[in-house]
C-alpha atoms as a PDB file:
ATOM      1  CA  MET A   1      19.053  -7.557   1.616  1.00  0.00           C
ATOM      2  CA  LYS A   2      20.803  -5.542   4.296  1.00  0.00           C
ATOM      3  CA  GLN A   3      18.575  -2.852   5.767  1.00  0.00           C
ATOM      4  CA  PHE A   4      19.682   0.709   5.057  1.00  0.00           C
ATOM      5  CA  SER A   5      22.366  -0.446   2.647  1.00  0.00           C
ATOM      6  CA  THR A   6      23.019   1.743  -0.391  1.00  0.00           C
ATOM      7  CA  PRO A   7      20.454  -0.085  -2.580  1.00  0.00           C
ATOM      8  CA  HIS A   8      17.869   0.113   0.212  1.00  0.00           C
ATOM      9  CA  LEU A   9      18.493   3.824   0.715  1.00  0.00           C
ATOM     10  CA  ALA A  10      18.157   4.326  -3.049  1.00  0.00           C
ATOM     11  CA  ALA A  11      14.705   2.703  -2.930  1.00  0.00           C
ATOM     12  CA  LEU A  12      13.717   4.877   0.033  1.00  0.00           C
ATOM     13  CA  GLY A  13      14.921   7.961  -1.818  1.00  0.00           C
ATOM     14  CA  ALA A  14      12.914   7.005  -4.906  1.00  0.00           C
ATOM     15  CA  LEU A  15       9.827   6.574  -2.731  1.00  0.00           C
ATOM     16  CA  ALA A  16      10.233  10.013  -1.150  1.00  0.00           C
ATOM     17  CA  VAL A  17      10.800  11.779  -4.474  1.00  0.00           C
ATOM     18  CA  LEU A  18       7.967  10.025  -6.320  1.00  0.00           C
ATOM     19  CA  ALA A  19       5.435  10.436  -3.501  1.00  0.00           C
ATOM     20  CA  VAL A  20       6.152  14.143  -2.958  1.00  0.00           C
ATOM     21  CA  ALA A  21       6.362  14.927  -6.673  1.00  0.00           C
ATOM     22  CA  SER A  22       3.127  13.125  -7.528  1.00  0.00           C
ATOM     23  CA  VAL A  23       1.172  14.893  -4.781  1.00  0.00           C
ATOM     24  CA  TRP A  24       2.596  18.295  -5.683  1.00  0.00           C
ATOM     25  CA  ALA A  25       1.962  17.831  -9.411  1.00  0.00           C
ATOM     26  CA  ALA A  26      -1.600  16.563  -8.911  1.00  0.00           C
ATOM     27  CA  ARG A  27      -2.457  19.533  -6.692  1.00  0.00           C
ATOM     28  CA  SER A  28      -0.735  22.268  -8.646  1.00  0.00           C
ATOM     29  CA  ARG A  29      -1.184  21.001 -12.205  1.00  0.00           C
ATOM     30  CA  PRO A  30      -4.423  18.978 -12.394  1.00  0.00           C
ATOM     31  CA  GLY A  31      -5.486  17.808 -15.805  1.00  0.00           C
ATOM     32  CA  ARG A  32      -5.812  14.959 -18.272  1.00  0.00           C
ATOM     33  CA  TRP A  33      -2.245  13.860 -17.568  1.00  0.00           C
ATOM     34  CA  LEU A  34      -3.351  12.568 -14.151  1.00  0.00           C
ATOM     35  CA  GLU A  35      -5.433   9.801 -15.697  1.00  0.00           C
ATOM     36  CA  VAL A  36      -2.573   8.828 -17.995  1.00  0.00           C
ATOM     37  CA  PHE A  37      -0.053   8.869 -15.135  1.00  0.00           C
ATOM     38  CA  SER A  38      -2.385   6.863 -12.885  1.00  0.00           C
ATOM     39  CA  ARG A  39      -2.739   4.129 -15.472  1.00  0.00           C
ATOM     40  CA  LEU A  40       0.985   4.040 -16.185  1.00  0.00           C
ATOM     41  CA  LEU A  41       1.609   3.699 -12.446  1.00  0.00           C
ATOM     42  CA  ALA A  42      -0.958   0.890 -12.294  1.00  0.00           C
ATOM     43  CA  LEU A  43       0.843  -0.905 -15.129  1.00  0.00           C
ATOM     44  CA  ALA A  44       4.191  -0.446 -13.358  1.00  0.00           C
ATOM     45  CA  ILE A  45       2.789  -2.005 -10.170  1.00  0.00           C
ATOM     46  CA  LEU A  46       1.323  -4.858 -12.202  1.00  0.00           C
ATOM     47  CA  ALA A  47       4.650  -5.428 -13.976  1.00  0.00           C
ATOM     48  CA  GLY A  48       6.562  -5.572 -10.705  1.00  0.00           C
ATOM     49  CA  TRP A  49       4.004  -7.772  -8.974  1.00  0.00           C
ATOM     50  CA  VAL A  50       3.516 -10.263 -11.802  1.00  0.00           C
ATOM     51  CA  GLY A  51       7.192 -10.054 -12.747  1.00  0.00           C
ATOM     52  CA  GLU A  52       8.152 -11.508  -9.393  1.00  0.00           C
ATOM     53  CA  TYR A  53       6.028 -14.600 -10.030  1.00  0.00           C
ATOM     54  CA  VAL A  54       7.421 -14.898 -13.555  1.00  0.00           C
ATOM     55  CA  ALA A  55      10.973 -14.749 -12.167  1.00  0.00           C
ATOM     56  CA  ASP A  56      10.110 -17.485  -9.667  1.00  0.00           C
ATOM     57  CA  GLY A  57       8.812 -19.634 -12.499  1.00  0.00           C
ATOM     58  CA  VAL A  58      11.830 -19.029 -14.721  1.00  0.00           C
ATOM     59  CA  GLU A  59      14.276 -19.822 -11.911  1.00  0.00           C
ATOM     60  CA  GLY A  60      12.238 -22.810 -10.755  1.00  0.00           C
ATOM     61  CA  THR A  61      11.864 -21.497  -7.201  1.00  0.00           C
ATOM     62  CA  TRP A  62       8.088 -21.157  -7.093  1.00  0.00           C
ATOM     63  CA  SER A  63       6.218 -23.258  -4.550  1.00  0.00           C
ATOM     64  CA  ALA A  64       2.785 -23.124  -2.956  1.00  0.00           C
ATOM     65  CA  GLN A  65       4.471 -22.777   0.425  1.00  0.00           C
ATOM     66  CA  TYR A  66       6.018 -19.434  -0.477  1.00  0.00           C
ATOM     67  CA  GLY A  67       4.638 -18.261  -3.813  1.00  0.00           C
ATOM     68  CA  LEU A  68       0.884 -17.866  -3.427  1.00  0.00           C
ATOM     69  CA  PRO A  69      -0.509 -14.280  -3.425  1.00  0.00           C
ATOM     70  CA  LEU A  70      -1.452 -14.460   0.257  1.00  0.00           C
ATOM     71  CA  GLN A  71       0.676 -11.686   1.702  1.00  0.00           C
ATOM     72  CA  LEU A  72      -1.188  -8.485   2.497  1.00  0.00           C
ATOM     73  CA  THR A  73       1.057  -6.634   0.072  1.00  0.00           C
ATOM     74  CA  ASP A  74      -0.344  -8.882  -2.684  1.00  0.00           C
ATOM     75  CA  ALA A  75      -3.790  -7.581  -1.808  1.00  0.00           C
ATOM     76  CA  VAL A  76      -2.386  -4.041  -1.789  1.00  0.00           C
ATOM     77  CA  SER A  77      -0.934  -4.473  -5.278  1.00  0.00           C
ATOM     78  CA  ALA A  78      -4.209  -5.724  -6.749  1.00  0.00           C
ATOM     79  CA  THR A  79      -6.217  -3.043  -4.958  1.00  0.00           C
ATOM     80  CA  ALA A  80      -3.839  -0.238  -5.957  1.00  0.00           C
ATOM     81  CA  ILE A  81      -4.003  -1.243  -9.620  1.00  0.00           C
ATOM     82  CA  LEU A  82      -7.800  -1.226  -9.598  1.00  0.00           C
ATOM     83  CA  ALA A  83      -7.975   1.993  -7.568  1.00  0.00           C
ATOM     84  CA  LEU A  84      -5.682   3.828  -9.985  1.00  0.00           C
ATOM     85  CA  TRP A  85      -7.719   2.583 -12.929  1.00  0.00           C
ATOM     86  CA  THR A  86     -11.234   3.169 -11.563  1.00  0.00           C
ATOM     87  CA  ARG A  87     -10.877   5.492  -8.532  1.00  0.00           C
ATOM     88  CA  ARG A  88     -13.711   3.658  -6.804  1.00  0.00           C
ATOM     89  CA  ALA A  89     -14.144   4.820  -3.221  1.00  0.00           C
ATOM     90  CA  LEU A  90     -13.615   1.489  -1.433  1.00  0.00           C
ATOM     91  CA  LEU A  91     -10.602   0.612  -3.560  1.00  0.00           C
ATOM     92  CA  VAL A  92      -8.973   3.988  -2.890  1.00  0.00           C
ATOM     93  CA  GLU A  93      -9.588   3.600   0.837  1.00  0.00           C
ATOM     94  CA  LEU A  94      -8.089   0.117   1.001  1.00  0.00           C
ATOM     95  CA  THR A  95      -5.095   1.246  -1.053  1.00  0.00           C
ATOM     96  CA  TYR A  96      -4.505   4.160   1.296  1.00  0.00           C
ATOM     97  CA  PHE A  97      -4.769   2.227   4.549  1.00  0.00           C
ATOM     98  CA  TRP A  98      -2.973  -0.909   3.387  1.00  0.00           C
ATOM     99  CA  ALA A  99      -0.194   0.789   1.433  1.00  0.00           C
ATOM    100  CA  MET A 100       0.597   3.279   4.193  1.00  0.00           C
ATOM    101  CA  THR A 101       0.920   0.431   6.702  1.00  0.00           C
ATOM    102  CA  ALA A 102       1.817  -2.925   5.097  1.00  0.00           C
ATOM    103  CA  SER A 103       3.612  -1.691   1.970  1.00  0.00           C
ATOM    104  CA  LEU A 104       5.438   1.089   3.802  1.00  0.00           C
ATOM    105  CA  GLN A 105       6.587  -1.378   6.469  1.00  0.00           C
ATOM    106  CA  ALA A 106       7.774  -3.744   3.719  1.00  0.00           C
ATOM    107  CA  ILE A 107       9.827  -0.909   2.218  1.00  0.00           C
ATOM    108  CA  LEU A 108      11.331   0.201   5.524  1.00  0.00           C
ATOM    109  CA  THR A 109      12.179  -3.365   6.625  1.00  0.00           C
ATOM    110  CA  PRO A 110      12.397  -5.376   3.381  1.00  0.00           C
ATOM    111  CA  ASP A 111      12.016  -9.156   3.584  1.00  0.00           C
ATOM    112  CA  LEU A 112      14.167  -9.699   0.513  1.00  0.00           C
ATOM    113  CA  GLY A 113      16.924 -12.268   0.104  1.00  0.00           C
ATOM    114  CA  GLN A 114      18.468 -10.528  -2.925  1.00  0.00           C
ATOM    115  CA  SER A 115      19.803  -7.052  -3.535  1.00  0.00           C
ATOM    116  CA  PHE A 116      20.719  -4.827  -6.490  1.00  0.00           C
ATOM    117  CA  PRO A 117      21.082  -5.720  -9.367  1.00  0.00           C
ATOM    118  CA  SER A 118      18.896  -8.815  -8.893  1.00  0.00           C
ATOM    119  CA  VAL A 119      15.593  -8.769 -10.779  1.00  0.00           C
ATOM    120  CA  TYR A 120      13.880  -9.329  -7.436  1.00  0.00           C
ATOM    121  CA  TYR A 121      15.225  -6.007  -6.173  1.00  0.00           C
ATOM    122  CA  PHE A 122      13.411  -4.212  -8.989  1.00  0.00           C
ATOM    123  CA  THR A 123      10.195  -6.235  -8.830  1.00  0.00           C
ATOM    124  CA  TYR A 124       9.942  -5.993  -5.035  1.00  0.00           C
ATOM    125  CA  PHE A 125      10.441  -2.257  -4.790  1.00  0.00           C
ATOM    126  CA  THR A 126       8.458  -1.489  -7.938  1.00  0.00           C
ATOM    127  CA  TYR A 127       5.192  -2.822  -6.580  1.00  0.00           C
ATOM    128  CA  HIS A 128       5.774  -1.822  -2.958  1.00  0.00           C
ATOM    129  CA  VAL A 129       6.911   1.723  -3.740  1.00  0.00           C
ATOM    130  CA  GLY A 130       4.265   1.969  -6.439  1.00  0.00           C
ATOM    131  CA  ALA A 131       1.492   1.155  -3.987  1.00  0.00           C
ATOM    132  CA  VAL A 132       2.594   3.850  -1.533  1.00  0.00           C
ATOM    133  CA  VAL A 133       2.927   6.415  -4.327  1.00  0.00           C
ATOM    134  CA  ALA A 134      -0.553   5.429  -5.530  1.00  0.00           C
ATOM    135  CA  ALA A 135      -1.998   5.964  -2.050  1.00  0.00           C
ATOM    136  CA  CYS A 136      -0.390   9.403  -1.733  1.00  0.00           C
ATOM    137  CA  LEU A 137      -1.429  10.411  -5.245  1.00  0.00           C
ATOM    138  CA  LEU A 138      -5.059   9.374  -4.906  1.00  0.00           C
ATOM    139  CA  VAL A 139      -5.723  10.640  -1.382  1.00  0.00           C
ATOM    140  CA  PHE A 140      -3.485  13.671  -0.985  1.00  0.00           C
ATOM    141  CA  GLY A 141      -2.927  14.564  -4.630  1.00  0.00           C
ATOM    142  CA  CYS A 142      -6.373  13.917  -6.106  1.00  0.00           C
ATOM    143  CA  ARG A 143      -8.107  14.598  -2.765  1.00  0.00           C
ATOM    144  CA  LEU A 144     -10.116  11.361  -2.794  1.00  0.00           C
ATOM    145  CA  TYR A 145     -10.270  11.204   0.985  1.00  0.00           C
ATOM    146  CA  PRO A 146     -11.528   8.195   2.980  1.00  0.00           C
ATOM    147  CA  ARG A 147     -15.161   8.263   3.992  1.00  0.00           C
ATOM    148  CA  ARG A 148     -16.566   7.907   7.488  1.00  0.00           C
ATOM    149  CA  LEU A 149     -15.649   4.602   9.195  1.00  0.00           C
ATOM    150  CA  ALA A 150     -13.250   3.752   6.351  1.00  0.00           C
ATOM    151  CA  ALA A 151     -10.519   2.741   8.814  1.00  0.00           C
ATOM    152  CA  TRP A 152     -12.855   0.198  10.412  1.00  0.00           C
ATOM    153  CA  ARG A 153     -13.804  -1.201   7.024  1.00  0.00           C
ATOM    154  CA  ALA A 154     -10.120  -1.564   6.174  1.00  0.00           C
ATOM    155  CA  PHE A 155      -9.507  -3.315   9.505  1.00  0.00           C
ATOM    156  CA  ALA A 156     -12.354  -5.751   8.848  1.00  0.00           C
ATOM    157  CA  ALA A 157     -11.008  -6.440   5.352  1.00  0.00           C
ATOM    158  CA  THR A 158      -7.559  -7.055   6.831  1.00  0.00           C
ATOM    159  CA  LEU A 159      -8.934  -9.600   9.291  1.00  0.00           C
ATOM    160  CA  CYS A 160     -10.775 -11.370   6.480  1.00  0.00           C
ATOM    161  CA  PHE A 161      -7.644 -11.528   4.356  1.00  0.00           C
ATOM    162  CA  ALA A 162      -5.640 -12.747   7.364  1.00  0.00           C
ATOM    163  CA  ALA A 163      -8.141 -15.571   7.815  1.00  0.00           C
ATOM    164  CA  ILE A 164      -7.639 -16.580   4.170  1.00  0.00           C
ATOM    165  CA  ALA A 165      -3.857 -16.402   4.607  1.00  0.00           C
ATOM    166  CA  GLY A 166      -4.150 -18.515   7.761  1.00  0.00           C
ATOM    167  CA  ILE A 167      -6.003 -21.216   5.848  1.00  0.00           C
ATOM    168  CA  GLY A 168      -3.256 -21.058   3.227  1.00  0.00           C
ATOM    169  CA  ASP A 169      -0.635 -21.495   5.950  1.00  0.00           C
ATOM    170  CA  VAL A 170      -2.367 -24.584   7.292  1.00  0.00           C
ATOM    171  CA  ILE A 171      -2.720 -26.162   3.855  1.00  0.00           C
ATOM    172  CA  THR A 172       0.747 -25.330   2.501  1.00  0.00           C
ATOM    173  CA  GLY A 173       2.843 -25.117   5.658  1.00  0.00           C
ATOM    174  CA  GLY A 174       3.806 -21.577   4.650  1.00  0.00           C
ATOM    175  CA  ASN A 175       4.108 -18.431   6.712  1.00  0.00           C
ATOM    176  CA  TYR A 176       1.863 -16.004   4.877  1.00  0.00           C
ATOM    177  CA  MET A 177       1.302 -12.735   6.733  1.00  0.00           C
ATOM    178  CA  TYR A 178       3.790 -14.099   9.296  1.00  0.00           C
ATOM    179  CA  LEU A 179       1.010 -15.885  11.138  1.00  0.00           C
ATOM    180  CA  ARG A 180       3.172 -18.922  11.983  1.00  0.00           C
ATOM    181  CA  SER A 181       6.404 -17.160  12.933  1.00  0.00           C
ATOM    182  CA  LYS A 182       8.059 -13.746  12.852  1.00  0.00           C
ATOM    183  CA  PRO A 183      10.222 -12.697   9.912  1.00  0.00           C
ATOM    184  CA  ALA A 184      13.971 -13.238  10.319  1.00  0.00           C
ATOM    185  CA  HIS A 185      14.734  -9.566   9.668  1.00  0.00           C
ATOM    186  CA  ASN A 186      14.005  -6.760  12.109  1.00  0.00           C
ATOM    187  CA  SER A 187      10.454  -5.436  11.952  1.00  0.00           C
ATOM    188  CA  LEU A 188       7.689  -4.186  14.225  1.00  0.00           C
ATOM    189  CA  LEU A 189       6.820  -7.805  14.987  1.00  0.00           C
ATOM    190  CA  SER A 190      10.245  -8.229  16.616  1.00  0.00           C
ATOM    191  CA  VAL A 191       9.100  -6.288  19.689  1.00  0.00           C
ATOM    192  CA  MET A 192       5.592  -7.713  19.999  1.00  0.00           C
ATOM    193  CA  GLY A 193       6.250 -10.812  22.073  1.00  0.00           C
ATOM    194  CA  PRO A 194       6.241 -14.520  21.255  1.00  0.00           C
ATOM    195  CA  TRP A 195       3.817 -16.478  19.083  1.00  0.00           C
ATOM    196  CA  PRO A 196       0.804 -16.276  19.111  1.00  0.00           C
ATOM    197  CA  TRP A 197       0.652 -13.111  21.204  1.00  0.00           C
ATOM    198  CA  TYR A 198       2.458 -11.008  18.632  1.00  0.00           C
ATOM    199  CA  ILE A 199      -0.470 -11.604  16.273  1.00  0.00           C
ATOM    200  CA  VAL A 200      -2.872 -10.019  18.769  1.00  0.00           C
ATOM    201  CA  SER A 201      -0.418  -7.175  19.388  1.00  0.00           C
ATOM    202  CA  ALA A 202       0.005  -6.645  15.648  1.00  0.00           C
ATOM    203  CA  ALA A 203      -3.763  -6.451  15.181  1.00  0.00           C
ATOM    204  CA  ALA A 204      -4.036  -3.814  17.920  1.00  0.00           C
ATOM    205  CA  VAL A 205      -1.121  -1.785  16.550  1.00  0.00           C
ATOM    206  CA  GLY A 206      -2.525  -2.126  13.043  1.00  0.00           C
ATOM    207  CA  LEU A 207      -5.896  -0.766  14.117  1.00  0.00           C
ATOM    208  CA  ALA A 208      -4.205   2.159  15.864  1.00  0.00           C
ATOM    209  CA  MET A 209      -2.230   2.929  12.700  1.00  0.00           C
ATOM    210  CA  LEU A 210      -5.375   2.814  10.562  1.00  0.00           C
ATOM    211  CA  LEU A 211      -7.168   5.212  12.897  1.00  0.00           C
ATOM    212  CA  ALA A 212      -4.138   7.529  12.898  1.00  0.00           C
ATOM    213  CA  LEU A 213      -4.111   7.514   9.095  1.00  0.00           C
ATOM    214  CA  ALA A 214      -7.817   8.356   9.097  1.00  0.00           C
ATOM    215  CA  LEU A 215      -7.111  11.335  11.366  1.00  0.00           C
ATOM    216  CA  LEU A 216      -4.290  12.445   9.070  1.00  0.00           C
ATOM    217  CA  ALA A 217      -6.555  12.327   6.012  1.00  0.00           C
ATOM    218  CA  ASP A 218      -9.333  14.156   7.869  1.00  0.00           C
ATOM    219  CA  GLY A 219      -6.881  16.855   8.913  1.00  0.00           C
ATOM    220  CA  VAL A 220      -5.646  17.429   5.363  1.00  0.00           C
ATOM    221  CA  ARG A 221      -9.240  17.382   4.088  1.00  0.00           C
ATOM    222  CA  GLY A 222     -10.139  20.084   6.620  1.00  0.00           C
ATOM    223  CA  LEU A 223      -7.295  22.259   5.399  1.00  0.00           C
ATOM    224  CA  ASP A 224      -8.446  21.791   1.809  1.00  0.00           C
ATOM    225  CA  GLN A 225     -12.059  22.617   2.607  1.00  0.00           C
ATOM    226  CA  ARG A 226     -11.058  25.846   4.325  1.00  0.00           C
ATOM    227  CA  ARG A 227      -8.910  26.798   1.365  1.00  0.00           C
ATOM    228  CA  PHE A 228     -11.534  25.822  -1.210  1.00  0.00           C
ATOM    229  CA  ALA A 229     -14.226  27.717   0.669  1.00  0.00           C
ATOM    230  CA  HIS A 230     -12.806  30.928  -0.753  1.00  0.00           C
ATOM    231  CA  GLY A 231     -14.264  31.834  -4.140  1.00  0.00           C
ATOM    232  CA  GLY A 232     -16.815  29.011  -4.197  1.00  0.00           C
ATOM    233  CA  ALA A 233     -14.195  26.407  -5.129  1.00  0.00           C
ATOM    234  CA  GLU A 234     -15.432  24.095  -2.378  1.00  0.00           C
ATOM    235  CA  LEU A 235     -18.640  23.426  -4.321  1.00  0.00           C
ATOM    236  CA  VAL A 236     -16.668  22.529  -7.447  1.00  0.00           C
ATOM    237  CA  TRP A 237     -14.422  20.213  -5.443  1.00  0.00           C
ATOM    238  CA  ASN A 238     -17.338  18.461  -3.745  1.00  0.00           C
ATOM    239  CA  GLN A 239     -19.088  17.911  -7.077  1.00  0.00           C
ATOM    240  CA  ARG A 240     -15.934  16.438  -8.584  1.00  0.00           C
ATOM    241  CA  VAL A 241     -15.368  14.131  -5.620  1.00  0.00           C
ATOM    242  CA  ARG A 242     -18.979  12.946  -5.482  1.00  0.00           C
ATOM    243  CA  GLY A 243     -18.771  12.198  -9.180  1.00  0.00           C
ATOM    244  CA  ARG A 244     -16.141   9.590  -8.308  1.00  0.00           C
ATOM    245  CA  GLY A 245     -18.431   7.787  -5.906  1.00  0.00           C
ATOM    246  CA  TYR A 246     -17.570   9.775  -2.784  1.00  0.00           C
ATOM    247  CA  SER A 247     -19.936  11.557  -0.425  1.00  0.00           C
END
């Protein structure tokens, strides 16, 4: 798929509209509909994610070298589905940090051999866009902000998943998480030096991005707390958040 082609721009536009609209609606019109919408979004992500594997099977293109769920965006999809369904603290945190880095990068620089109207266009952008919308909805819309040291926990989880993907690369000869070589399309990895040094650079940049996202969430939380402090609403908000497993 050509970057910033009309179909790519359409996907970027859908992401912007859905992310902004979901955050605005969750903040201005909270209610029972949020649970329904969250579960519908989870099902949409699941449909896109699983649909891609089904399409591979139908077309006979699946192989262990390319088709195992060992990309970080696979972990994001699974985590986002569970986070939307349960709103557990750790799942929300991982969805936020992974979606706003890995999934967002995958949307901006898609590693996709097909374009509209291929089924892969719809599956790819459904679960990638869905994960980013889920992160925005849960953290900025529902105000389920990351806890202390959440960025470091997400970084540790990323390293663990990378180790699993690396084992998969060795066994299958694949290139999961681009640990064996850079992607052919332009991406952040393109400017991070040769193998294996770009892996170290990517880890450092990834950590910096996670810490920046933590600062962003803390800043928005601070604005909310100052606003909720008026009229005693802060107490109500804190009780609601703690009821979801946050503190």
